[in-house]
ModelCIF file with pLDDT and N, C-alpha, C, O atoms, coordinates in Angstrom:
data_MODEL
#
_entry.id   MODEL 
#
_entity.id                         1 
_entity.type                       polymer 
_entity.pdbx_number_of_molecules   1 
#
_entity_poly.entity_id                      1 
_entity_poly.type                           'polypeptide(L)' 
_entity_poly.nstd_linkage                   no 
_entity_poly.nstd_monomer                   no 
_entity_poly.pdbx_seq_one_letter_code       PYLEGRMERKLFTALQGEQAERLNDHLSKQGFRRSQNVLYRPSCA 
_entity_poly.pdbx_seq_one_letter_code_can   PYLEGRMERKLFTALQGEQAERLNDHLSKQGFRRSQNVLYRPSCA 
_entity_poly.pdbx_strand_id                 A 
#
loop_
_entity_poly_seq.entity_id 
_entity_poly_seq.num 
_entity_poly_seq.mon_id 
_entity_poly_seq.hetero 
1 1  PRO n 
1 2  TYR n 
1 3  LEU n 
1 4  GLU n 
1 5  GLY n 
1 6  ARG n 
1 7  MET n 
1 8  GLU n 
1 9  ARG n 
1 10 LYS n 
1 11 LEU n 
1 12 PHE n 
1 13 THR n 
1 14 ALA n 
1 15 LEU n 
1 16 GLN n 
1 17 GLY n 
1 18 GLU n 
1 19 GLN n 
1 20 ALA n 
1 21 GLU n 
1 22 ARG n 
1 23 LEU n 
1 24 ASN n 
1 25 ASP n 
1 26 HIS n 
1 27 LEU n 
1 28 SER n 
1 29 LYS n 
1 30 GLN n 
1 31 GLY n 
1 32 PHE n 
1 33 ARG n 
1 34 ARG n 
1 35 SER n 
1 36 GLN n 
1 37 ASN n 
1 38 VAL n 
1 39 LEU n 
1 40 TYR n 
1 41 ARG n 
1 42 PRO n 
1 43 SER n 
1 44 CYS n 
1 45 ALA n 
#
_struct_asym.id          A 
_struct_asym.entity_id   1 
#
loop_
_ma_qa_metric.id 
_ma_qa_metric.mode 
_ma_qa_metric.name 
_ma_qa_metric.software_group_id 
_ma_qa_metric.type 
1 global pLDDT . pLDDT 
2 local  pLDDT . pLDDT 
#
_ma_qa_metric_global.metric_id      1 
_ma_qa_metric_global.metric_value   91.78 
_ma_qa_metric_global.model_id       1 
_ma_qa_metric_global.ordinal_id     1 
#
loop_
_ma_qa_metric_local.label_asym_id 
_ma_qa_metric_local.label_comp_id 
_ma_qa_metric_local.label_seq_id 
_ma_qa_metric_local.metric_id 
_ma_qa_metric_local.metric_value 
_ma_qa_metric_local.model_id 
_ma_qa_metric_local.ordinal_id 
A PRO 1  2 84.00 1 1  
A TYR 2  2 86.00 1 2  
A LEU 3  2 86.00 1 3  
A GLU 4  2 86.00 1 4  
A GLY 5  2 85.00 1 5  
A ARG 6  2 87.00 1 6  
A MET 7  2 88.00 1 7  
A GLU 8  2 91.00 1 8  
A ARG 9  2 91.00 1 9  
A LYS 10 2 93.00 1 10 
A LEU 11 2 93.00 1 11 
A PHE 12 2 94.00 1 12 
A THR 13 2 95.00 1 13 
A ALA 14 2 93.00 1 14 
A LEU 15 2 93.00 1 15 
A GLN 16 2 87.00 1 16 
A GLY 17 2 85.00 1 17 
A GLU 18 2 84.00 1 18 
A GLN 19 2 89.00 1 19 
A ALA 20 2 93.00 1 20 
A GLU 21 2 94.00 1 21 
A ARG 22 2 94.00 1 22 
A LEU 23 2 95.00 1 23 
A ASN 24 2 96.00 1 24 
A ASP 25 2 96.00 1 25 
A HIS 26 2 95.00 1 26 
A LEU 27 2 96.00 1 27 
A SER 28 2 96.00 1 28 
A LYS 29 2 96.00 1 29 
A GLN 30 2 96.00 1 30 
A GLY 31 2 95.00 1 31 
A PHE 32 2 96.00 1 32 
A ARG 33 2 96.00 1 33 
A ARG 34 2 96.00 1 34 
A SER 35 2 95.00 1 35 
A GLN 36 2 94.00 1 36 
A ASN 37 2 95.00 1 37 
A VAL 38 2 95.00 1 38 
A LEU 39 2 96.00 1 39 
A TYR 40 2 95.00 1 40 
A ARG 41 2 94.00 1 41 
A PRO 42 2 91.00 1 42 
A SER 43 2 89.00 1 43 
A CYS 44 2 86.00 1 44 
A ALA 45 2 80.00 1 45 
#
loop_
_atom_site.group_PDB 
_atom_site.id 
_atom_site.type_symbol 
_atom_site.label_atom_id 
_atom_site.label_alt_id 
_atom_site.label_comp_id 
_atom_site.label_asym_id 
_atom_site.label_entity_id 
_atom_site.label_seq_id 
_atom_site.pdbx_PDB_ins_code 
_atom_site.Cartn_x 
_atom_site.Cartn_y 
_atom_site.Cartn_z 
_atom_site.occupancy 
_atom_site.B_iso_or_equiv 
_atom_site.pdbx_formal_charge 
_atom_site.auth_seq_id 
_atom_site.auth_comp_id 
_atom_site.auth_asym_id 
_atom_site.auth_atom_id 
_atom_site.pdbx_PDB_model_num 
ATOM 1   N N  . PRO A 1 1  ? -14.424 4.851   0.852  1.00 84.00 ? 1  PRO A N  1 
ATOM 2   C CA . PRO A 1 1  ? -15.718 3.871   1.411  1.00 84.00 ? 1  PRO A CA 1 
ATOM 3   C C  . PRO A 1 1  ? -15.902 3.970   2.815  1.00 84.00 ? 1  PRO A C  1 
ATOM 4   O O  . PRO A 1 1  ? -16.907 3.427   3.274  1.00 84.00 ? 1  PRO A O  1 
ATOM 5   N N  . TYR A 1 2  ? -15.103 4.577   3.609  1.00 86.00 ? 2  TYR A N  1 
ATOM 6   C CA . TYR A 1 2  ? -15.085 4.736   5.222  1.00 86.00 ? 2  TYR A CA 1 
ATOM 7   C C  . TYR A 1 2  ? -15.866 5.958   5.736  1.00 86.00 ? 2  TYR A C  1 
ATOM 8   O O  . TYR A 1 2  ? -16.766 5.870   6.571  1.00 86.00 ? 2  TYR A O  1 
ATOM 9   N N  . LEU A 1 3  ? -15.486 7.005   5.220  1.00 86.00 ? 3  LEU A N  1 
ATOM 10  C CA . LEU A 1 3  ? -15.987 8.380   5.698  1.00 86.00 ? 3  LEU A CA 1 
ATOM 11  C C  . LEU A 1 3  ? -16.866 9.063   4.642  1.00 86.00 ? 3  LEU A C  1 
ATOM 12  O O  . LEU A 1 3  ? -16.346 9.365   3.567  1.00 86.00 ? 3  LEU A O  1 
ATOM 13  N N  . GLU A 1 4  ? -18.202 9.337   4.878  1.00 86.00 ? 4  GLU A N  1 
ATOM 14  C CA . GLU A 1 4  ? -19.017 9.901   3.921  1.00 86.00 ? 4  GLU A CA 1 
ATOM 15  C C  . GLU A 1 4  ? -18.417 11.444  3.613  1.00 86.00 ? 4  GLU A C  1 
ATOM 16  O O  . GLU A 1 4  ? -17.929 12.233  4.423  1.00 86.00 ? 4  GLU A O  1 
ATOM 17  N N  . GLY A 1 5  ? -18.604 11.591  2.280  1.00 85.00 ? 5  GLY A N  1 
ATOM 18  C CA . GLY A 1 5  ? -18.321 12.932  1.791  1.00 85.00 ? 5  GLY A CA 1 
ATOM 19  C C  . GLY A 1 5  ? -16.825 13.401  1.608  1.00 85.00 ? 5  GLY A C  1 
ATOM 20  O O  . GLY A 1 5  ? -16.521 14.565  1.349  1.00 85.00 ? 5  GLY A O  1 
ATOM 21  N N  . ARG A 1 6  ? -15.951 12.398  1.768  1.00 87.00 ? 6  ARG A N  1 
ATOM 22  C CA . ARG A 1 6  ? -14.551 12.534  1.724  1.00 87.00 ? 6  ARG A CA 1 
ATOM 23  C C  . ARG A 1 6  ? -14.001 11.655  0.389  1.00 87.00 ? 6  ARG A C  1 
ATOM 24  O O  . ARG A 1 6  ? -14.658 10.715  -0.058 1.00 87.00 ? 6  ARG A O  1 
ATOM 25  N N  . MET A 1 7  ? -12.943 12.006  -0.087 1.00 88.00 ? 7  MET A N  1 
ATOM 26  C CA . MET A 1 7  ? -12.348 11.266  -1.218 1.00 88.00 ? 7  MET A CA 1 
ATOM 27  C C  . MET A 1 7  ? -10.969 10.719  -0.660 1.00 88.00 ? 7  MET A C  1 
ATOM 28  O O  . MET A 1 7  ? -10.238 11.288  0.151  1.00 88.00 ? 7  MET A O  1 
ATOM 29  N N  . GLU A 1 8  ? -10.776 9.496   -1.267 1.00 91.00 ? 8  GLU A N  1 
ATOM 30  C CA . GLU A 1 8  ? -9.406  8.839   -0.958 1.00 91.00 ? 8  GLU A CA 1 
ATOM 31  C C  . GLU A 1 8  ? -8.588  8.896   -2.016 1.00 91.00 ? 8  GLU A C  1 
ATOM 32  O O  . GLU A 1 8  ? -9.014  9.216   -3.126 1.00 91.00 ? 8  GLU A O  1 
ATOM 33  N N  . ARG A 1 9  ? -7.270  8.578   -1.779 1.00 91.00 ? 9  ARG A N  1 
ATOM 34  C CA . ARG A 1 9  ? -6.292  8.452   -2.704 1.00 91.00 ? 9  ARG A CA 1 
ATOM 35  C C  . ARG A 1 9  ? -5.358  7.498   -1.952 1.00 91.00 ? 9  ARG A C  1 
ATOM 36  O O  . ARG A 1 9  ? -5.293  7.390   -0.727 1.00 91.00 ? 9  ARG A O  1 
ATOM 37  N N  . LYS A 1 10 ? -4.558  6.741   -2.972 1.00 93.00 ? 10 LYS A N  1 
ATOM 38  C CA . LYS A 1 10 ? -3.548  5.678   -2.514 1.00 93.00 ? 10 LYS A CA 1 
ATOM 39  C C  . LYS A 1 10 ? -2.242  5.956   -2.972 1.00 93.00 ? 10 LYS A C  1 
ATOM 40  O O  . LYS A 1 10 ? -2.131  6.427   -4.104 1.00 93.00 ? 10 LYS A O  1 
ATOM 41  N N  . LEU A 1 11 ? -1.274  5.756   -2.317 1.00 93.00 ? 11 LEU A N  1 
ATOM 42  C CA . LEU A 1 11 ? 0.203   5.605   -2.444 1.00 93.00 ? 11 LEU A CA 1 
ATOM 43  C C  . LEU A 1 11 ? 0.540   3.998   -2.685 1.00 93.00 ? 11 LEU A C  1 
ATOM 44  O O  . LEU A 1 11 ? 0.274   3.118   -1.868 1.00 93.00 ? 11 LEU A O  1 
ATOM 45  N N  . PHE A 1 12 ? 1.125   3.811   -3.858 1.00 94.00 ? 12 PHE A N  1 
ATOM 46  C CA . PHE A 1 12 ? 1.410   2.470   -4.234 1.00 94.00 ? 12 PHE A CA 1 
ATOM 47  C C  . PHE A 1 12 ? 2.553   2.308   -4.713 1.00 94.00 ? 12 PHE A C  1 
ATOM 48  O O  . PHE A 1 12 ? 3.242   3.292   -4.982 1.00 94.00 ? 12 PHE A O  1 
ATOM 49  N N  . THR A 1 13 ? 3.020   0.978   -4.931 1.00 95.00 ? 13 THR A N  1 
ATOM 50  C CA . THR A 1 13 ? 4.183   0.526   -5.682 1.00 95.00 ? 13 THR A CA 1 
ATOM 51  C C  . THR A 1 13 ? 4.092   -1.107  -6.044 1.00 95.00 ? 13 THR A C  1 
ATOM 52  O O  . THR A 1 13 ? 3.464   -1.913  -5.357 1.00 95.00 ? 13 THR A O  1 
ATOM 53  N N  . ALA A 1 14 ? 4.652   -1.353  -6.949 1.00 93.00 ? 14 ALA A N  1 
ATOM 54  C CA . ALA A 1 14 ? 4.643   -2.812  -7.401 1.00 93.00 ? 14 ALA A CA 1 
ATOM 55  C C  . ALA A 1 14 ? 5.444   -3.692  -6.591 1.00 93.00 ? 14 ALA A C  1 
ATOM 56  O O  . ALA A 1 14 ? 6.544   -3.351  -6.156 1.00 93.00 ? 14 ALA A O  1 
ATOM 57  N N  . LEU A 1 15 ? 4.865   -4.932  -6.355 1.00 93.00 ? 15 LEU A N  1 
ATOM 58  C CA . LEU A 1 15 ? 5.496   -5.848  -5.514 1.00 93.00 ? 15 LEU A CA 1 
ATOM 59  C C  . LEU A 1 15 ? 6.037   -6.878  -6.347 1.00 93.00 ? 15 LEU A C  1 
ATOM 60  O O  . LEU A 1 15 ? 5.203   -7.686  -6.757 1.00 93.00 ? 15 LEU A O  1 
ATOM 61  N N  . GLN A 1 16 ? 7.222   -7.051  -6.698 1.00 87.00 ? 16 GLN A N  1 
ATOM 62  C CA . GLN A 1 16 ? 7.701   -7.987  -7.697 1.00 87.00 ? 16 GLN A CA 1 
ATOM 63  C C  . GLN A 1 16 ? 9.224   -8.275  -7.629 1.00 87.00 ? 16 GLN A C  1 
ATOM 64  O O  . GLN A 1 16 ? 9.906   -7.433  -7.044 1.00 87.00 ? 16 GLN A O  1 
ATOM 65  N N  . GLY A 1 17 ? 9.810   -9.304  -8.127 1.00 85.00 ? 17 GLY A N  1 
ATOM 66  C CA . GLY A 1 17 ? 11.237  -9.543  -8.271 1.00 85.00 ? 17 GLY A CA 1 
ATOM 67  C C  . GLY A 1 17 ? 11.675  -10.444 -6.920 1.00 85.00 ? 17 GLY A C  1 
ATOM 68  O O  . GLY A 1 17 ? 10.867  -10.987 -6.166 1.00 85.00 ? 17 GLY A O  1 
ATOM 69  N N  . GLU A 1 18 ? 13.078  -10.477 -6.792 1.00 84.00 ? 18 GLU A N  1 
ATOM 70  C CA . GLU A 1 18 ? 13.593  -11.338 -5.916 1.00 84.00 ? 18 GLU A CA 1 
ATOM 71  C C  . GLU A 1 18 ? 13.422  -10.635 -4.479 1.00 84.00 ? 18 GLU A C  1 
ATOM 72  O O  . GLU A 1 18 ? 13.346  -11.288 -3.438 1.00 84.00 ? 18 GLU A O  1 
ATOM 73  N N  . GLN A 1 19 ? 13.369  -9.191  -4.541 1.00 89.00 ? 19 GLN A N  1 
ATOM 74  C CA . GLN A 1 19 ? 13.256  -8.651  -3.180 1.00 89.00 ? 19 GLN A CA 1 
ATOM 75  C C  . GLN A 1 19 ? 11.770  -8.379  -2.677 1.00 89.00 ? 19 GLN A C  1 
ATOM 76  O O  . GLN A 1 19 ? 11.472  -7.583  -1.787 1.00 89.00 ? 19 GLN A O  1 
ATOM 77  N N  . ALA A 1 20 ? 10.868  -9.196  -3.415 1.00 93.00 ? 20 ALA A N  1 
ATOM 78  C CA . ALA A 1 20 ? 9.369   -8.791  -3.026 1.00 93.00 ? 20 ALA A CA 1 
ATOM 79  C C  . ALA A 1 20 ? 9.064   -9.107  -1.495 1.00 93.00 ? 20 ALA A C  1 
ATOM 80  O O  . ALA A 1 20 ? 8.454   -8.325  -0.765 1.00 93.00 ? 20 ALA A O  1 
ATOM 81  N N  . GLU A 1 21 ? 9.504   -10.209 -1.137 1.00 94.00 ? 21 GLU A N  1 
ATOM 82  C CA . GLU A 1 21 ? 9.448   -10.605 0.398  1.00 94.00 ? 21 GLU A CA 1 
ATOM 83  C C  . GLU A 1 21 ? 9.963   -9.566  1.306  1.00 94.00 ? 21 GLU A C  1 
ATOM 84  O O  . GLU A 1 21 ? 9.212   -9.033  2.123  1.00 94.00 ? 21 GLU A O  1 
ATOM 85  N N  . ARG A 1 22 ? 11.208  -9.251  1.203  1.00 94.00 ? 22 ARG A N  1 
ATOM 86  C CA . ARG A 1 22 ? 11.858  -8.210  1.841  1.00 94.00 ? 22 ARG A CA 1 
ATOM 87  C C  . ARG A 1 22 ? 11.021  -6.754  1.928  1.00 94.00 ? 22 ARG A C  1 
ATOM 88  O O  . ARG A 1 22 ? 10.859  -6.068  2.937  1.00 94.00 ? 22 ARG A O  1 
ATOM 89  N N  . LEU A 1 23 ? 10.600  -6.522  0.737  1.00 95.00 ? 23 LEU A N  1 
ATOM 90  C CA . LEU A 1 23 ? 9.849   -5.111  0.507  1.00 95.00 ? 23 LEU A CA 1 
ATOM 91  C C  . LEU A 1 23 ? 8.599   -5.222  1.208  1.00 95.00 ? 23 LEU A C  1 
ATOM 92  O O  . LEU A 1 23 ? 8.232   -4.220  1.822  1.00 95.00 ? 23 LEU A O  1 
ATOM 93  N N  . ASN A 1 24 ? 7.858   -6.272  1.236  1.00 96.00 ? 24 ASN A N  1 
ATOM 94  C CA . ASN A 1 24 ? 6.633   -6.416  1.797  1.00 96.00 ? 24 ASN A CA 1 
ATOM 95  C C  . ASN A 1 24 ? 6.773   -6.440  3.335  1.00 96.00 ? 24 ASN A C  1 
ATOM 96  O O  . ASN A 1 24 ? 5.971   -5.821  4.036  1.00 96.00 ? 24 ASN A O  1 
ATOM 97  N N  . ASP A 1 25 ? 7.753   -7.127  3.839  1.00 96.00 ? 25 ASP A N  1 
ATOM 98  C CA . ASP A 1 25 ? 8.156   -7.219  5.307  1.00 96.00 ? 25 ASP A CA 1 
ATOM 99  C C  . ASP A 1 25 ? 8.460   -5.641  5.804  1.00 96.00 ? 25 ASP A C  1 
ATOM 100 O O  . ASP A 1 25 ? 7.920   -5.110  6.774  1.00 96.00 ? 25 ASP A O  1 
ATOM 101 N N  . HIS A 1 26 ? 9.403   -5.045  4.957  1.00 95.00 ? 26 HIS A N  1 
ATOM 102 C CA . HIS A 1 26 ? 9.559   -3.745  5.352  1.00 95.00 ? 26 HIS A CA 1 
ATOM 103 C C  . HIS A 1 26 ? 8.596   -2.514  5.326  1.00 95.00 ? 26 HIS A C  1 
ATOM 104 O O  . HIS A 1 26 ? 8.551   -1.637  6.189  1.00 95.00 ? 26 HIS A O  1 
ATOM 105 N N  . LEU A 1 27 ? 7.860   -2.590  4.235  1.00 96.00 ? 27 LEU A N  1 
ATOM 106 C CA . LEU A 1 27 ? 6.843   -1.525  4.155  1.00 96.00 ? 27 LEU A CA 1 
ATOM 107 C C  . LEU A 1 27 ? 5.566   -1.812  5.058  1.00 96.00 ? 27 LEU A C  1 
ATOM 108 O O  . LEU A 1 27 ? 4.891   -0.907  5.549  1.00 96.00 ? 27 LEU A O  1 
ATOM 109 N N  . SER A 1 28 ? 5.316   -3.115  5.219  1.00 96.00 ? 28 SER A N  1 
ATOM 110 C CA . SER A 1 28 ? 4.141   -3.307  6.253  1.00 96.00 ? 28 SER A CA 1 
ATOM 111 C C  . SER A 1 28 ? 4.357   -2.711  7.636  1.00 96.00 ? 28 SER A C  1 
ATOM 112 O O  . SER A 1 28 ? 3.459   -2.278  8.358  1.00 96.00 ? 28 SER A O  1 
ATOM 113 N N  . LYS A 1 29 ? 5.628   -2.739  7.912  1.00 96.00 ? 29 LYS A N  1 
ATOM 114 C CA . LYS A 1 29 ? 6.044   -1.887  9.184  1.00 96.00 ? 29 LYS A CA 1 
ATOM 115 C C  . LYS A 1 29 ? 5.829   -0.538  9.068  1.00 96.00 ? 29 LYS A C  1 
ATOM 116 O O  . LYS A 1 29 ? 5.763   0.142   10.092 1.00 96.00 ? 29 LYS A O  1 
ATOM 117 N N  . GLN A 1 30 ? 5.693   0.020   7.850  1.00 96.00 ? 30 GLN A N  1 
ATOM 118 C CA . GLN A 1 30 ? 5.448   1.442   7.738  1.00 96.00 ? 30 GLN A CA 1 
ATOM 119 C C  . GLN A 1 30 ? 4.025   1.604   7.282  1.00 96.00 ? 30 GLN A C  1 
ATOM 120 O O  . GLN A 1 30 ? 3.781   2.499   6.473  1.00 96.00 ? 30 GLN A O  1 
ATOM 121 N N  . GLY A 1 31 ? 3.065   0.827   7.721  1.00 95.00 ? 31 GLY A N  1 
ATOM 122 C CA . GLY A 1 31 ? 1.560   1.258   7.217  1.00 95.00 ? 31 GLY A CA 1 
ATOM 123 C C  . GLY A 1 31 ? 1.074   0.667   5.971  1.00 95.00 ? 31 GLY A C  1 
ATOM 124 O O  . GLY A 1 31 ? -0.116  0.801   5.685  1.00 95.00 ? 31 GLY A O  1 
ATOM 125 N N  . PHE A 1 32 ? 1.992   -0.074  5.075  1.00 96.00 ? 32 PHE A N  1 
ATOM 126 C CA . PHE A 1 32 ? 1.338   -0.447  3.884  1.00 96.00 ? 32 PHE A CA 1 
ATOM 127 C C  . PHE A 1 32 ? 0.638   -1.850  3.949  1.00 96.00 ? 32 PHE A C  1 
ATOM 128 O O  . PHE A 1 32 ? 0.837   -2.592  4.911  1.00 96.00 ? 32 PHE A O  1 
ATOM 129 N N  . ARG A 1 33 ? -0.145  -2.183  2.962  1.00 96.00 ? 33 ARG A N  1 
ATOM 130 C CA . ARG A 1 33 ? -0.855  -3.254  2.926  1.00 96.00 ? 33 ARG A CA 1 
ATOM 131 C C  . ARG A 1 33 ? -0.751  -3.916  1.666  1.00 96.00 ? 33 ARG A C  1 
ATOM 132 O O  . ARG A 1 33 ? -0.550  -3.151  0.723  1.00 96.00 ? 33 ARG A O  1 
ATOM 133 N N  . ARG A 1 34 ? -0.833  -5.143  1.390  1.00 96.00 ? 34 ARG A N  1 
ATOM 134 C CA . ARG A 1 34 ? -0.656  -5.810  -0.063 1.00 96.00 ? 34 ARG A CA 1 
ATOM 135 C C  . ARG A 1 34 ? -2.075  -6.119  -0.419 1.00 96.00 ? 34 ARG A C  1 
ATOM 136 O O  . ARG A 1 34 ? -2.977  -6.411  0.366  1.00 96.00 ? 34 ARG A O  1 
ATOM 137 N N  . SER A 1 35 ? -2.145  -6.003  -1.827 1.00 95.00 ? 35 SER A N  1 
ATOM 138 C CA . SER A 1 35 ? -3.285  -6.409  -2.410 1.00 95.00 ? 35 SER A CA 1 
ATOM 139 C C  . SER A 1 35 ? -2.738  -7.016  -3.732 1.00 95.00 ? 35 SER A C  1 
ATOM 140 O O  . SER A 1 35 ? -2.301  -6.214  -4.557 1.00 95.00 ? 35 SER A O  1 
ATOM 141 N N  . GLN A 1 36 ? -2.711  -8.384  -4.037 1.00 94.00 ? 36 GLN A N  1 
ATOM 142 C CA . GLN A 1 36 ? -2.166  -9.280  -5.054 1.00 94.00 ? 36 GLN A CA 1 
ATOM 143 C C  . GLN A 1 36 ? -0.578  -8.708  -5.033 1.00 94.00 ? 36 GLN A C  1 
ATOM 144 O O  . GLN A 1 36 ? 0.157   -8.821  -4.052 1.00 94.00 ? 36 GLN A O  1 
ATOM 145 N N  . ASN A 1 37 ? -0.217  -8.114  -6.224 1.00 95.00 ? 37 ASN A N  1 
ATOM 146 C CA . ASN A 1 37 ? 1.330   -7.733  -6.285 1.00 95.00 ? 37 ASN A CA 1 
ATOM 147 C C  . ASN A 1 37 ? 1.475   -6.303  -6.249 1.00 95.00 ? 37 ASN A C  1 
ATOM 148 O O  . ASN A 1 37 ? 2.274   -5.739  -6.997 1.00 95.00 ? 37 ASN A O  1 
ATOM 149 N N  . VAL A 1 38 ? 0.730   -5.658  -5.398 1.00 95.00 ? 38 VAL A N  1 
ATOM 150 C CA . VAL A 1 38 ? 0.779   -4.224  -5.079 1.00 95.00 ? 38 VAL A CA 1 
ATOM 151 C C  . VAL A 1 38 ? 0.725   -3.997  -3.784 1.00 95.00 ? 38 VAL A C  1 
ATOM 152 O O  . VAL A 1 38 ? -0.051  -4.618  -3.057 1.00 95.00 ? 38 VAL A O  1 
ATOM 153 N N  . LEU A 1 39 ? 1.670   -2.942  -3.281 1.00 96.00 ? 39 LEU A N  1 
ATOM 154 C CA . LEU A 1 39 ? 1.710   -2.490  -1.909 1.00 96.00 ? 39 LEU A CA 1 
ATOM 155 C C  . LEU A 1 39 ? 1.087   -1.115  -1.883 1.00 96.00 ? 39 LEU A C  1 
ATOM 156 O O  . LEU A 1 39 ? 1.436   -0.305  -2.741 1.00 96.00 ? 39 LEU A O  1 
ATOM 157 N N  . TYR A 1 40 ? 0.154   -0.769  -0.929 1.00 95.00 ? 40 TYR A N  1 
ATOM 158 C CA . TYR A 1 40 ? -0.445  0.464   -1.093 1.00 95.00 ? 40 TYR A CA 1 
ATOM 159 C C  . TYR A 1 40 ? -0.648  0.948   0.310  1.00 95.00 ? 40 TYR A C  1 
ATOM 160 O O  . TYR A 1 40 ? -0.736  0.166   1.257  1.00 95.00 ? 40 TYR A O  1 
ATOM 161 N N  . ARG A 1 41 ? -0.716  2.177   0.421  1.00 94.00 ? 41 ARG A N  1 
ATOM 162 C CA . ARG A 1 41 ? -1.007  3.181   1.872  1.00 94.00 ? 41 ARG A CA 1 
ATOM 163 C C  . ARG A 1 41 ? -1.851  4.204   1.375  1.00 94.00 ? 41 ARG A C  1 
ATOM 164 O O  . ARG A 1 41 ? -1.618  4.772   0.308  1.00 94.00 ? 41 ARG A O  1 
ATOM 165 N N  . PRO A 1 42 ? -3.034  4.523   2.260  1.00 91.00 ? 42 PRO A N  1 
ATOM 166 C CA . PRO A 1 42 ? -3.689  5.622   2.038  1.00 91.00 ? 42 PRO A CA 1 
ATOM 167 C C  . PRO A 1 42 ? -2.853  6.902   2.119  1.00 91.00 ? 42 PRO A C  1 
ATOM 168 O O  . PRO A 1 42 ? -1.990  7.023   2.989  1.00 91.00 ? 42 PRO A O  1 
ATOM 169 N N  . SER A 1 43 ? -3.127  7.939   1.142  1.00 89.00 ? 43 SER A N  1 
ATOM 170 C CA . SER A 1 43 ? -2.431  9.024   1.030  1.00 89.00 ? 43 SER A CA 1 
ATOM 171 C C  . SER A 1 43 ? -3.414  10.157  0.522  1.00 89.00 ? 43 SER A C  1 
ATOM 172 O O  . SER A 1 43 ? -3.299  10.668  -0.592 1.00 89.00 ? 43 SER A O  1 
ATOM 173 N N  . CYS A 1 44 ? -4.429  10.515  1.475  1.00 86.00 ? 44 CYS A N  1 
ATOM 174 C CA . CYS A 1 44 ? -5.633  11.318  0.868  1.00 86.00 ? 44 CYS A CA 1 
ATOM 175 C C  . CYS A 1 44 ? -4.940  12.859  1.128  1.00 86.00 ? 44 CYS A C  1 
ATOM 176 O O  . CYS A 1 44 ? -3.983  13.123  1.855  1.00 86.00 ? 44 CYS A O  1 
ATOM 177 N N  . ALA A 1 45 ? -5.688  13.710  0.352  1.00 80.00 ? 45 ALA A N  1 
ATOM 178 C CA . ALA A 1 45 ? -5.347  15.139  0.519  1.00 80.00 ? 45 ALA A CA 1 
ATOM 179 C C  . ALA A 1 45 ? -5.567  15.912  1.605  1.00 80.00 ? 45 ALA A C  1 
ATOM 180 O O  . ALA A 1 45 ? -5.227  17.095  1.600  1.00 80.00 ? 45 ALA A O  1 
#
């Protein structure tokens, strides 16, 4: 959606359970973002 003619791919994991907040804090420091109960980061080829 950002660069014309390119393809995007995302690396993601579920955000759930008792450790959800700690996981979100930890992965946000590594470039991940939250969308509902999923954490994702672009991982294009």
